[in-house]
Amino acid sequence: MTYIRTSRAAVAVTSVESSSSHFAHGNGSHRQGSSSPKQTGHAVQTLWASRPLTVRAGRLVAVRLKGDVLRVGLATADGLRWVSPDGVMTAAQAMAWSKMSRFSRNG
């Protein structure tokens, strides 16, 4: 099983879409990943949060932009899912998260 590791969390990656994300293995000193375009031709940009945001549905750990579609990485007991931000957080929560967390490509 593969995990995405941030400074505060390790999340199991179970979906095929998540496999194109940036991964951190071991103690975080060795990072590898891919930011190549998907089959649709749209570049995928994934930014990992230095501080996850806890919401009712789980913990938000990342933001992903694929073309003009924005998704957030929702870590749950079942693994990481990419969901619409409107379904899991309010605009006020999004603003608070952007102020309290740094977002980077390497997690």
PDB file of N, CA and C in Angstrom:
ATOM      1  N   MET A   1       0.846  -1.169   0.000  1.00  0.00           N
ATOM      2  CA  MET A   1       0.000   0.000   0.000  1.00  0.00           C
ATOM      3  C   MET A   1       0.896   1.238   0.000  1.00  0.00           C
ATOM      4  N   THR A   2       0.473   2.273  -0.695  1.00  0.00           N
ATOM      5  CA  THR A   2       1.223   3.515  -0.781  1.00  0.00           C
ATOM      6  C   THR A   2       0.596   4.551   0.132  1.00  0.00           C
ATOM      7  N   TYR A   3       1.439   5.402   0.704  1.00  0.00           N
ATOM      8  CA  TYR A   3       0.963   6.443   1.593  1.00  0.00           C
ATOM      9  C   TYR A   3       1.458   7.793   1.122  1.00  0.00           C
ATOM     10  N   ILE A   4       0.656   8.822   1.364  1.00  0.00           N
ATOM     11  CA  ILE A   4       1.081  10.205   1.185  1.00  0.00           C
ATOM     12  C   ILE A   4       1.412  10.700   2.576  1.00  0.00           C
ATOM     13  N   ARG A   5       2.607  11.222   2.754  1.00  0.00           N
ATOM     14  CA  ARG A   5       3.031  11.670   4.071  1.00  0.00           C
ATOM     15  C   ARG A   5       3.222  13.186   4.056  1.00  0.00           C
ATOM     16  N   THR A   6       2.614  13.850   5.023  1.00  0.00           N
ATOM     17  CA  THR A   6       2.863  15.266   5.261  1.00  0.00           C
ATOM     18  C   THR A   6       3.492  15.372   6.639  1.00  0.00           C
ATOM     19  N   SER A   7       3.781  16.568   7.072  1.00  0.00           N
ATOM     20  CA  SER A   7       4.391  16.730   8.387  1.00  0.00           C
ATOM     21  C   SER A   7       3.454  16.323   9.518  1.00  0.00           C
ATOM     22  N   ARG A   8       2.151  16.240   9.246  1.00  0.00           N
ATOM     23  CA  ARG A   8       1.194  15.920  10.292  1.00  0.00           C
ATOM     24  C   ARG A   8       0.342  14.690  10.037  1.00  0.00           C
ATOM     25  N   ALA A   9       0.495  14.057   8.858  1.00  0.00           N
ATOM     26  CA  ALA A   9      -0.387  12.938   8.560  1.00  0.00           C
ATOM     27  C   ALA A   9       0.240  12.006   7.540  1.00  0.00           C
ATOM     28  N   ALA A  10      -0.193  10.756   7.571  1.00  0.00           N
ATOM     29  CA  ALA A  10       0.111   9.793   6.524  1.00  0.00           C
ATOM     30  C   ALA A  10      -1.225   9.216   6.091  1.00  0.00           C
ATOM     31  N   VAL A  11      -1.522   9.306   4.803  1.00  0.00           N
ATOM     32  CA  VAL A  11      -2.822   8.911   4.294  1.00  0.00           C
ATOM     33  C   VAL A  11      -2.635   7.793   3.283  1.00  0.00           C
ATOM     34  N   ALA A  12      -3.389   6.725   3.444  1.00  0.00           N
ATOM     35  CA  ALA A  12      -3.329   5.610   2.490  1.00  0.00           C
ATOM     36  C   ALA A  12      -3.921   6.052   1.164  1.00  0.00           C
ATOM     37  N   VAL A  13      -3.238   5.719   0.074  1.00  0.00           N
ATOM     38  CA  VAL A  13      -3.719   6.060  -1.254  1.00  0.00           C
ATOM     39  C   VAL A  13      -4.297   4.802  -1.862  1.00  0.00           C
ATOM     40  N   THR A  14      -5.582   4.855  -2.195  1.00  0.00           N
ATOM     41  CA  THR A  14      -6.235   3.668  -2.725  1.00  0.00           C
ATOM     42  C   THR A  14      -6.780   3.861  -4.128  1.00  0.00           C
ATOM     43  N   SER A  15      -6.958   5.097  -4.582  1.00  0.00           N
ATOM     44  CA  SER A  15      -7.559   5.311  -5.896  1.00  0.00           C
ATOM     45  C   SER A  15      -6.501   5.432  -6.977  1.00  0.00           C
ATOM     46  N   VAL A  16      -6.875   5.100  -8.197  1.00  0.00           N
ATOM     47  CA  VAL A  16      -5.974   5.197  -9.335  1.00  0.00           C
ATOM     48  C   VAL A  16      -5.602   6.649  -9.584  1.00  0.00           C
ATOM     49  N   GLU A  17      -6.561   7.572  -9.442  1.00  0.00           N
ATOM     50  CA  GLU A  17      -6.295   8.983  -9.682  1.00  0.00           C
ATOM     51  C   GLU A  17      -5.244   9.508  -8.723  1.00  0.00           C
ATOM     52  N   SER A  18      -5.234   9.036  -7.497  1.00  0.00           N
ATOM     53  CA  SER A  18      -4.281   9.493  -6.502  1.00  0.00           C
ATOM     54  C   SER A  18      -2.865   9.051  -6.814  1.00  0.00           C
ATOM     55  N   SER A  19      -2.707   8.022  -7.638  1.00  0.00           N
ATOM     56  CA  SER A  19      -1.375   7.501  -7.910  1.00  0.00           C
ATOM     57  C   SER A  19      -0.514   8.454  -8.709  1.00  0.00           C
ATOM     58  N   SER A  20      -1.091   9.496  -9.307  1.00  0.00           N
ATOM     59  CA  SER A  20      -0.293  10.470 -10.054  1.00  0.00           C
ATOM     60  C   SER A  20       0.148  11.622  -9.178  1.00  0.00           C
ATOM     61  N   SER A  21      -0.184  11.582  -7.897  1.00  0.00           N
ATOM     62  CA  SER A  21       0.146  12.657  -6.968  1.00  0.00           C
ATOM     63  C   SER A  21       1.604  12.608  -6.554  1.00  0.00           C
ATOM     64  N   HIS A  22       2.024  13.605  -5.829  1.00  0.00           N
ATOM     65  CA  HIS A  22       3.367  13.631  -5.269  1.00  0.00           C
ATOM     66  C   HIS A  22       3.356  12.827  -3.981  1.00  0.00           C
ATOM     67  N   PHE A  23       4.311  11.907  -3.855  1.00  0.00           N
ATOM     68  CA  PHE A  23       4.380  11.052  -2.682  1.00  0.00           C
ATOM     69  C   PHE A  23       5.646  11.335  -1.899  1.00  0.00           C
ATOM     70  N   ALA A  24       5.560  11.148  -0.622  1.00  0.00           N
ATOM     71  CA  ALA A  24       6.743  11.216   0.237  1.00  0.00           C
ATOM     72  C   ALA A  24       6.882   9.850   0.885  1.00  0.00           C
ATOM     73  N   HIS A  25       8.051   9.263   0.787  1.00  0.00           N
ATOM     74  CA  HIS A  25       8.281   7.931   1.343  1.00  0.00           C
ATOM     75  C   HIS A  25       9.266   8.022   2.496  1.00  0.00           C
ATOM     76  N   GLY A  26       9.146   7.076   3.418  1.00  0.00           N
ATOM     77  CA  GLY A  26      10.100   7.000   4.527  1.00  0.00           C
ATOM     78  C   GLY A  26      10.000   8.209   5.432  1.00  0.00           C
ATOM     79  N   ASN A  27      11.154   8.823   5.741  1.00  0.00           N
ATOM     80  CA  ASN A  27      11.167   9.924   6.697  1.00  0.00           C
ATOM     81  C   ASN A  27      10.917  11.275   6.045  1.00  0.00           C
ATOM     82  N   GLY A  28      10.593  11.297   4.760  1.00  0.00           N
ATOM     83  CA  GLY A  28      10.285  12.558   4.096  1.00  0.00           C
ATOM     84  C   GLY A  28      11.479  13.179   3.407  1.00  0.00           C
ATOM     85  N   SER A  29      12.678  12.590   3.526  1.00  0.00           N
ATOM     86  CA  SER A  29      13.852  13.181   2.904  1.00  0.00           C
ATOM     87  C   SER A  29      13.950  12.829   1.426  1.00  0.00           C
ATOM     88  N   HIS A  30      13.286  11.760   0.999  1.00  0.00           N
ATOM     89  CA  HIS A  30      13.304  11.356  -0.401  1.00  0.00           C
ATOM     90  C   HIS A  30      11.900  11.517  -0.962  1.00  0.00           C
ATOM     91  N   ARG A  31      11.755  12.384  -1.952  1.00  0.00           N
ATOM     92  CA  ARG A  31      10.441  12.617  -2.538  1.00  0.00           C
ATOM     93  C   ARG A  31      10.496  12.343  -4.033  1.00  0.00           C
ATOM     94  N   GLN A  32       9.392  11.796  -4.519  1.00  0.00           N
ATOM     95  CA  GLN A  32       9.279  11.592  -5.953  1.00  0.00           C
ATOM     96  C   GLN A  32       7.834  11.807  -6.331  1.00  0.00           C
ATOM     97  N   GLY A  33       7.597  12.099  -7.606  1.00  0.00           N
ATOM     98  CA  GLY A  33       6.221  12.302  -8.027  1.00  0.00           C
ATOM     99  C   GLY A  33       6.154  12.621  -9.496  1.00  0.00           C
ATOM    100  N   SER A  34       4.948  12.863  -9.948  1.00  0.00           N
ATOM    101  CA  SER A  34       4.723  13.166 -11.349  1.00  0.00           C
ATOM    102  C   SER A  34       3.707  14.275 -11.447  1.00  0.00           C
ATOM    103  N   SER A  35       3.986  15.239 -12.280  1.00  0.00           N
ATOM    104  CA  SER A  35       3.008  16.291 -12.522  1.00  0.00           C
ATOM    105  C   SER A  35       2.660  16.318 -13.994  1.00  0.00           C
ATOM    106  N   SER A  36       2.760  15.154 -14.653  1.00  0.00           N
ATOM    107  CA  SER A  36       2.479  15.074 -16.076  1.00  0.00           C
ATOM    108  C   SER A  36       0.982  15.187 -16.338  1.00  0.00           C
ATOM    109  N   PRO A  37       0.609  15.658 -17.530  1.00  0.00           N
ATOM    110  CA  PRO A  37      -0.815  15.792 -17.862  1.00  0.00           C
ATOM    111  C   PRO A  37      -1.516  14.443 -17.868  1.00  0.00           C
ATOM    112  N   LYS A  38      -2.777  14.435 -17.524  1.00  0.00           N
ATOM    113  CA  LYS A  38      -3.589  13.230 -17.563  1.00  0.00           C
ATOM    114  C   LYS A  38      -4.010  12.954 -19.005  1.00  0.00           C
ATOM    115  N   GLN A  39      -4.741  11.897 -19.219  1.00  0.00           N
ATOM    116  CA  GLN A  39      -5.172  11.529 -20.555  1.00  0.00           C
ATOM    117  C   GLN A  39      -6.054  12.600 -21.186  1.00  0.00           C
ATOM    118  N   THR A  40      -6.718  13.416 -20.393  1.00  0.00           N
ATOM    119  CA  THR A  40      -7.586  14.454 -20.925  1.00  0.00           C
ATOM    120  C   THR A  40      -6.794  15.615 -21.505  1.00  0.00           C
ATOM    121  N   GLY A  41      -5.480  15.668 -21.270  1.00  0.00           N
ATOM    122  CA  GLY A  41      -4.670  16.752 -21.787  1.00  0.00           C
ATOM    123  C   GLY A  41      -4.539  17.911 -20.828  1.00  0.00           C
ATOM    124  N   HIS A  42      -5.238  17.876 -19.701  1.00  0.00           N
ATOM    125  CA  HIS A  42      -5.154  18.946 -18.714  1.00  0.00           C
ATOM    126  C   HIS A  42      -4.027  18.650 -17.732  1.00  0.00           C
ATOM    127  N   ALA A  43      -3.246  19.665 -17.431  1.00  0.00           N
ATOM    128  CA  ALA A  43      -2.206  19.510 -16.422  1.00  0.00           C
ATOM    129  C   ALA A  43      -2.875  19.363 -15.057  1.00  0.00           C
ATOM    130  N   VAL A  44      -2.310  18.507 -14.225  1.00  0.00           N
ATOM    131  CA  VAL A  44      -2.820  18.303 -12.876  1.00  0.00           C
ATOM    132  C   VAL A  44      -1.837  18.933 -11.905  1.00  0.00           C
ATOM    133  N   GLN A  45      -2.325  19.840 -11.098  1.00  0.00           N
ATOM    134  CA  GLN A  45      -1.485  20.486 -10.100  1.00  0.00           C
ATOM    135  C   GLN A  45      -2.033  20.123  -8.725  1.00  0.00           C
ATOM    136  N   THR A  46      -1.194  19.511  -7.892  1.00  0.00           N
ATOM    137  CA  THR A  46      -1.602  19.123  -6.551  1.00  0.00           C
ATOM    138  C   THR A  46      -0.725  19.825  -5.540  1.00  0.00           C
ATOM    139  N   LEU A  47      -1.356  20.495  -4.580  1.00  0.00           N
ATOM    140  CA  LEU A  47      -0.647  21.175  -3.504  1.00  0.00           C
ATOM    141  C   LEU A  47      -1.064  20.546  -2.184  1.00  0.00           C
ATOM    142  N   TRP A  48      -0.080  20.147  -1.380  1.00  0.00           N
ATOM    143  CA  TRP A  48      -0.321  19.496  -0.104  1.00  0.00           C
ATOM    144  C   TRP A  48      -0.258  20.522   1.014  1.00  0.00           C
ATOM    145  N   ALA A  49      -1.179  20.443   1.938  1.00  0.00           N
ATOM    146  CA  ALA A  49      -1.267  21.391   3.046  1.00  0.00           C
ATOM    147  C   ALA A  49      -0.289  21.025   4.154  1.00  0.00           C
ATOM    148  N   SER A  50       0.360  22.042   4.731  1.00  0.00           N
ATOM    149  CA  SER A  50       1.230  21.786   5.878  1.00  0.00           C
ATOM    150  C   SER A  50       0.396  21.470   7.120  1.00  0.00           C
ATOM    151  N   ARG A  51      -0.839  21.944   7.148  1.00  0.00           N
ATOM    152  CA  ARG A  51      -1.766  21.669   8.246  1.00  0.00           C
ATOM    153  C   ARG A  51      -3.097  21.202   7.682  1.00  0.00           C
ATOM    154  N   PRO A  52      -3.478  19.967   7.938  1.00  0.00           N
ATOM    155  CA  PRO A  52      -4.794  19.505   7.480  1.00  0.00           C
ATOM    156  C   PRO A  52      -5.911  20.288   8.163  1.00  0.00           C
ATOM    157  N   LEU A  53      -7.041  20.392   7.502  1.00  0.00           N
ATOM    158  CA  LEU A  53      -8.214  21.037   8.073  1.00  0.00           C
ATOM    159  C   LEU A  53      -9.232  19.959   8.405  1.00  0.00           C
ATOM    160  N   THR A  54      -9.615  19.870   9.670  1.00  0.00           N
ATOM    161  CA  THR A  54     -10.608  18.880  10.078  1.00  0.00           C
ATOM    162  C   THR A  54     -12.004  19.421   9.805  1.00  0.00           C
ATOM    163  N   VAL A  55     -12.773  18.654   9.043  1.00  0.00           N
ATOM    164  CA  VAL A  55     -14.159  18.988   8.739  1.00  0.00           C
ATOM    165  C   VAL A  55     -15.016  17.781   9.103  1.00  0.00           C
ATOM    166  N   ARG A  56     -16.309  17.921   9.003  1.00  0.00           N
ATOM    167  CA  ARG A  56     -17.221  16.850   9.400  1.00  0.00           C
ATOM    168  C   ARG A  56     -16.943  15.542   8.659  1.00  0.00           C
ATOM    169  N   ALA A  57     -16.582  15.626   7.385  1.00  0.00           N
ATOM    170  CA  ALA A  57     -16.389  14.425   6.563  1.00  0.00           C
ATOM    171  C   ALA A  57     -15.031  13.754   6.755  1.00  0.00           C
ATOM    172  N   GLY A  58     -14.077  14.442   7.371  1.00  0.00           N
ATOM    173  CA  GLY A  58     -12.731  13.892   7.549  1.00  0.00           C
ATOM    174  C   GLY A  58     -11.720  15.016   7.675  1.00  0.00           C
ATOM    175  N   ARG A  59     -10.517  14.787   7.126  1.00  0.00           N
ATOM    176  CA  ARG A  59      -9.475  15.815   7.163  1.00  0.00           C
ATOM    177  C   ARG A  59      -9.086  16.190   5.745  1.00  0.00           C
ATOM    178  N   LEU A  60      -9.050  17.487   5.467  1.00  0.00           N
ATOM    179  CA  LEU A  60      -8.638  17.974   4.155  1.00  0.00           C
ATOM    180  C   LEU A  60      -7.128  18.151   4.175  1.00  0.00           C
ATOM    181  N   VAL A  61      -6.431  17.479   3.240  1.00  0.00           N
ATOM    182  CA  VAL A  61      -4.971  17.459   3.257  1.00  0.00           C
ATOM    183  C   VAL A  61      -4.330  18.062   2.017  1.00  0.00           C
ATOM    184  N   ALA A  62      -5.121  18.332   0.970  1.00  0.00           N
ATOM    185  CA  ALA A  62      -4.531  18.821  -0.276  1.00  0.00           C
ATOM    186  C   ALA A  62      -5.573  19.517  -1.133  1.00  0.00           C
ATOM    187  N   VAL A  63      -5.059  20.245  -2.126  1.00  0.00           N
ATOM    188  CA  VAL A  63      -5.888  20.922  -3.117  1.00  0.00           C
ATOM    189  C   VAL A  63      -5.371  20.497  -4.485  1.00  0.00           C
ATOM    190  N   ARG A  64      -6.268  20.170  -5.395  1.00  0.00           N
ATOM    191  CA  ARG A  64      -5.866  19.725  -6.734  1.00  0.00           C
ATOM    192  C   ARG A  64      -6.652  20.499  -7.791  1.00  0.00           C
ATOM    193  N   LEU A  65      -5.915  20.994  -8.782  1.00  0.00           N
ATOM    194  CA  LEU A  65      -6.525  21.678  -9.912  1.00  0.00           C
ATOM    195  C   LEU A  65      -6.234  20.867 -11.165  1.00  0.00           C
ATOM    196  N   LYS A  66      -7.273  20.419 -11.817  1.00  0.00           N
ATOM    197  CA  LYS A  66      -7.152  19.641 -13.056  1.00  0.00           C
ATOM    198  C   LYS A  66      -7.938  20.402 -14.115  1.00  0.00           C
ATOM    199  N   GLY A  67      -7.207  21.079 -15.014  1.00  0.00           N
ATOM    200  CA  GLY A  67      -7.870  21.976 -15.955  1.00  0.00           C
ATOM    201  C   GLY A  67      -8.446  23.131 -15.165  1.00  0.00           C
ATOM    202  N   ASP A  68      -9.763  23.298 -15.204  1.00  0.00           N
ATOM    203  CA  ASP A  68     -10.397  24.341 -14.403  1.00  0.00           C
ATOM    204  C   ASP A  68     -11.281  23.760 -13.299  1.00  0.00           C
ATOM    205  N   VAL A  69     -11.068  22.465 -12.969  1.00  0.00           N
ATOM    206  CA  VAL A  69     -11.845  21.792 -11.927  1.00  0.00           C
ATOM    207  C   VAL A  69     -11.008  21.704 -10.653  1.00  0.00           C
ATOM    208  N   LEU A  70     -11.518  22.282  -9.574  1.00  0.00           N
ATOM    209  CA  LEU A  70     -10.845  22.267  -8.283  1.00  0.00           C
ATOM    210  C   LEU A  70     -11.400  21.149  -7.416  1.00  0.00           C
ATOM    211  N   ARG A  71     -10.524  20.384  -6.800  1.00  0.00           N
ATOM    212  CA  ARG A  71     -10.895  19.323  -5.864  1.00  0.00           C
ATOM    213  C   ARG A  71     -10.027  19.450  -4.625  1.00  0.00           C
ATOM    214  N   VAL A  72     -10.517  18.922  -3.516  1.00  0.00           N
ATOM    215  CA  VAL A  72      -9.721  18.867  -2.293  1.00  0.00           C
ATOM    216  C   VAL A  72      -9.531  17.408  -1.914  1.00  0.00           C
ATOM    217  N   GLY A  73      -8.366  17.107  -1.318  1.00  0.00           N
ATOM    218  CA  GLY A  73      -8.067  15.754  -0.869  1.00  0.00           C
ATOM    219  C   GLY A  73      -8.651  15.531   0.505  1.00  0.00           C
ATOM    220  N   LEU A  74      -9.613  14.629   0.593  1.00  0.00           N
ATOM    221  CA  LEU A  74     -10.297  14.322   1.845  1.00  0.00           C
ATOM    222  C   LEU A  74      -9.781  12.994   2.372  1.00  0.00           C
ATOM    223  N   ALA A  75      -9.083  13.029   3.501  1.00  0.00           N
ATOM    224  CA  ALA A  75      -8.556  11.821   4.129  1.00  0.00           C
ATOM    225  C   ALA A  75      -9.603  11.285   5.095  1.00  0.00           C
ATOM    226  N   THR A  76     -10.001  10.043   4.867  1.00  0.00           N
ATOM    227  CA  THR A  76     -10.965   9.376   5.740  1.00  0.00           C
ATOM    228  C   THR A  76     -10.373   8.034   6.164  1.00  0.00           C
ATOM    229  N   ALA A  77     -11.094   7.298   6.951  1.00  0.00           N
ATOM    230  CA  ALA A  77     -10.637   5.971   7.365  1.00  0.00           C
ATOM    231  C   ALA A  77     -10.487   5.028   6.171  1.00  0.00           C
ATOM    232  N   ASP A  78     -11.191   5.317   5.079  1.00  0.00           N
ATOM    233  CA  ASP A  78     -11.137   4.482   3.878  1.00  0.00           C
ATOM    234  C   ASP A  78     -10.048   4.912   2.903  1.00  0.00           C
ATOM    235  N   GLY A  79      -9.315   5.972   3.203  1.00  0.00           N
ATOM    236  CA  GLY A  79      -8.256   6.436   2.310  1.00  0.00           C
ATOM    237  C   GLY A  79      -8.513   7.859   1.840  1.00  0.00           C
ATOM    238  N   LEU A  80      -7.820   8.245   0.787  1.00  0.00           N
ATOM    239  CA  LEU A  80      -7.895   9.597   0.246  1.00  0.00           C
ATOM    240  C   LEU A  80      -8.876   9.639  -0.914  1.00  0.00           C
ATOM    241  N   ARG A  81      -9.793  10.615  -0.858  1.00  0.00           N
ATOM    242  CA  ARG A  81     -10.751  10.834  -1.955  1.00  0.00           C
ATOM    243  C   ARG A  81     -10.628  12.269  -2.413  1.00  0.00           C
ATOM    244  N   TRP A  82     -10.786  12.505  -3.696  1.00  0.00           N
ATOM    245  CA  TRP A  82     -10.767  13.857  -4.254  1.00  0.00           C
ATOM    246  C   TRP A  82     -12.207  14.282  -4.470  1.00  0.00           C
ATOM    247  N   VAL A  83     -12.640  15.327  -3.744  1.00  0.00           N
ATOM    248  CA  VAL A  83     -14.037  15.747  -3.748  1.00  0.00           C
ATOM    249  C   VAL A  83     -14.140  17.240  -4.037  1.00  0.00           C
ATOM    250  N   SER A  84     -15.332  17.668  -4.392  1.00  0.00           N
ATOM    251  CA  SER A  84     -15.600  19.083  -4.612  1.00  0.00           C
ATOM    252  C   SER A  84     -15.528  19.821  -3.280  1.00  0.00           C
ATOM    253  N   PRO A  85     -14.840  20.956  -3.228  1.00  0.00           N
ATOM    254  CA  PRO A  85     -14.750  21.687  -1.955  1.00  0.00           C
ATOM    255  C   PRO A  85     -16.111  22.158  -1.440  1.00  0.00           C
ATOM    256  N   ASP A  86     -17.043  22.444  -2.343  1.00  0.00           N
ATOM    257  CA  ASP A  86     -18.368  22.909  -1.927  1.00  0.00           C
ATOM    258  C   ASP A  86     -19.106  21.887  -1.080  1.00  0.00           C
ATOM    259  N   GLY A  87     -18.818  20.606  -1.280  1.00  0.00           N
ATOM    260  CA  GLY A  87     -19.514  19.565  -0.549  1.00  0.00           C
ATOM    261  C   GLY A  87     -18.979  19.291   0.839  1.00  0.00           C
ATOM    262  N   VAL A  88     -17.773  19.813   1.161  1.00  0.00           N
ATOM    263  CA  VAL A  88     -17.176  19.454   2.447  1.00  0.00           C
ATOM    264  C   VAL A  88     -16.764  20.645   3.315  1.00  0.00           C
ATOM    265  N   MET A  89     -16.747  21.859   2.751  1.00  0.00           N
ATOM    266  CA  MET A  89     -16.372  23.009   3.576  1.00  0.00           C
ATOM    267  C   MET A  89     -17.051  24.286   3.098  1.00  0.00           C
ATOM    268  N   THR A  90     -17.153  25.226   4.019  1.00  0.00           N
ATOM    269  CA  THR A  90     -17.749  26.524   3.710  1.00  0.00           C
ATOM    270  C   THR A  90     -16.669  27.471   3.180  1.00  0.00           C
ATOM    271  N   ALA A  91     -17.090  28.585   2.646  1.00  0.00           N
ATOM    272  CA  ALA A  91     -16.146  29.600   2.166  1.00  0.00           C
ATOM    273  C   ALA A  91     -15.300  30.130   3.327  1.00  0.00           C
ATOM    274  N   ALA A  92     -15.908  30.275   4.500  1.00  0.00           N
ATOM    275  CA  ALA A  92     -15.164  30.749   5.673  1.00  0.00           C
ATOM    276  C   ALA A  92     -14.095  29.745   6.091  1.00  0.00           C
ATOM    277  N   GLN A  93     -14.409  28.449   6.032  1.00  0.00           N
ATOM    278  CA  GLN A  93     -13.419  27.420   6.354  1.00  0.00           C
ATOM    279  C   GLN A  93     -12.279  27.434   5.335  1.00  0.00           C
ATOM    280  N   ALA A  94     -12.607  27.626   4.067  1.00  0.00           N
ATOM    281  CA  ALA A  94     -11.580  27.681   3.023  1.00  0.00           C
ATOM    282  C   ALA A  94     -10.638  28.857   3.263  1.00  0.00           C
ATOM    283  N   MET A  95     -11.175  30.006   3.611  1.00  0.00           N
ATOM    284  CA  MET A  95     -10.343  31.181   3.897  1.00  0.00           C
ATOM    285  C   MET A  95      -9.457  30.927   5.114  1.00  0.00           C
ATOM    286  N   ALA A  96     -10.006  30.355   6.154  1.00  0.00           N
ATOM    287  CA  ALA A  96      -9.233  30.073   7.371  1.00  0.00           C
ATOM    288  C   ALA A  96      -8.117  29.077   7.075  1.00  0.00           C
ATOM    289  N   TRP A  97      -8.408  28.038   6.289  1.00  0.00           N
ATOM    290  CA  TRP A  97      -7.413  27.029   5.934  1.00  0.00           C
ATOM    291  C   TRP A  97      -6.286  27.650   5.124  1.00  0.00           C
ATOM    292  N   SER A  98      -6.623  28.513   4.183  1.00  0.00           N
ATOM    293  CA  SER A  98      -5.583  29.130   3.354  1.00  0.00           C
ATOM    294  C   SER A  98      -4.679  30.051   4.172  1.00  0.00           C
ATOM    295  N   LYS A  99      -5.198  30.618   5.256  1.00  0.00           N
ATOM    296  CA  LYS A  99      -4.388  31.497   6.110  1.00  0.00           C
ATOM    297  C   LYS A  99      -3.519  30.720   7.095  1.00  0.00           C
ATOM    298  N   MET A 100      -3.990  29.559   7.573  1.00  0.00           N
ATOM    299  CA  MET A 100      -3.254  28.831   8.610  1.00  0.00           C
ATOM    300  C   MET A 100      -2.274  27.805   8.051  1.00  0.00           C
ATOM    301  N   SER A 101      -2.373  27.478   6.772  1.00  0.00           N
ATOM    302  CA  SER A 101      -1.560  26.419   6.202  1.00  0.00           C
ATOM    303  C   SER A 101      -0.758  26.903   5.005  1.00  0.00           C
ATOM    304  N   ARG A 102       0.444  26.332   4.859  1.00  0.00           N
ATOM    305  CA  ARG A 102       1.220  26.562   3.631  1.00  0.00           C
ATOM    306  C   ARG A 102       0.929  25.391   2.715  1.00  0.00           C
ATOM    307  N   PHE A 103       0.906  25.642   1.420  1.00  0.00           N
ATOM    308  CA  PHE A 103       0.638  24.592   0.447  1.00  0.00           C
ATOM    309  C   PHE A 103       1.855  24.424  -0.443  1.00  0.00           C
ATOM    310  N   SER A 104       2.303  23.187  -0.596  1.00  0.00           N
ATOM    311  CA  SER A 104       3.480  22.921  -1.409  1.00  0.00           C
ATOM    312  C   SER A 104       3.243  21.712  -2.294  1.00  0.00           C
ATOM    313  N   ARG A 105       4.048  21.588  -3.331  1.00  0.00           N
ATOM    314  CA  ARG A 105       3.899  20.488  -4.276  1.00  0.00           C
ATOM    315  C   ARG A 105       4.388  19.166  -3.700  1.00  0.00           C
ATOM    316  N   ASN A 106       5.261  19.184  -2.700  1.00  0.00           N
ATOM    317  CA  ASN A 106       5.867  17.954  -2.197  1.00  0.00           C
ATOM    318  C   ASN A 106       5.292  17.437  -0.905  1.00  0.00           C
ATOM    319  N   GLY A 107       4.299  18.082  -0.366  1.00  0.00           N
ATOM    320  CA  GLY A 107       3.705  17.582   0.866  1.00  0.00           C
ATOM    321  C   GLY A 107       4.529  17.907   2.023  1.00  0.00           C
TER     322      GLY A 107
END
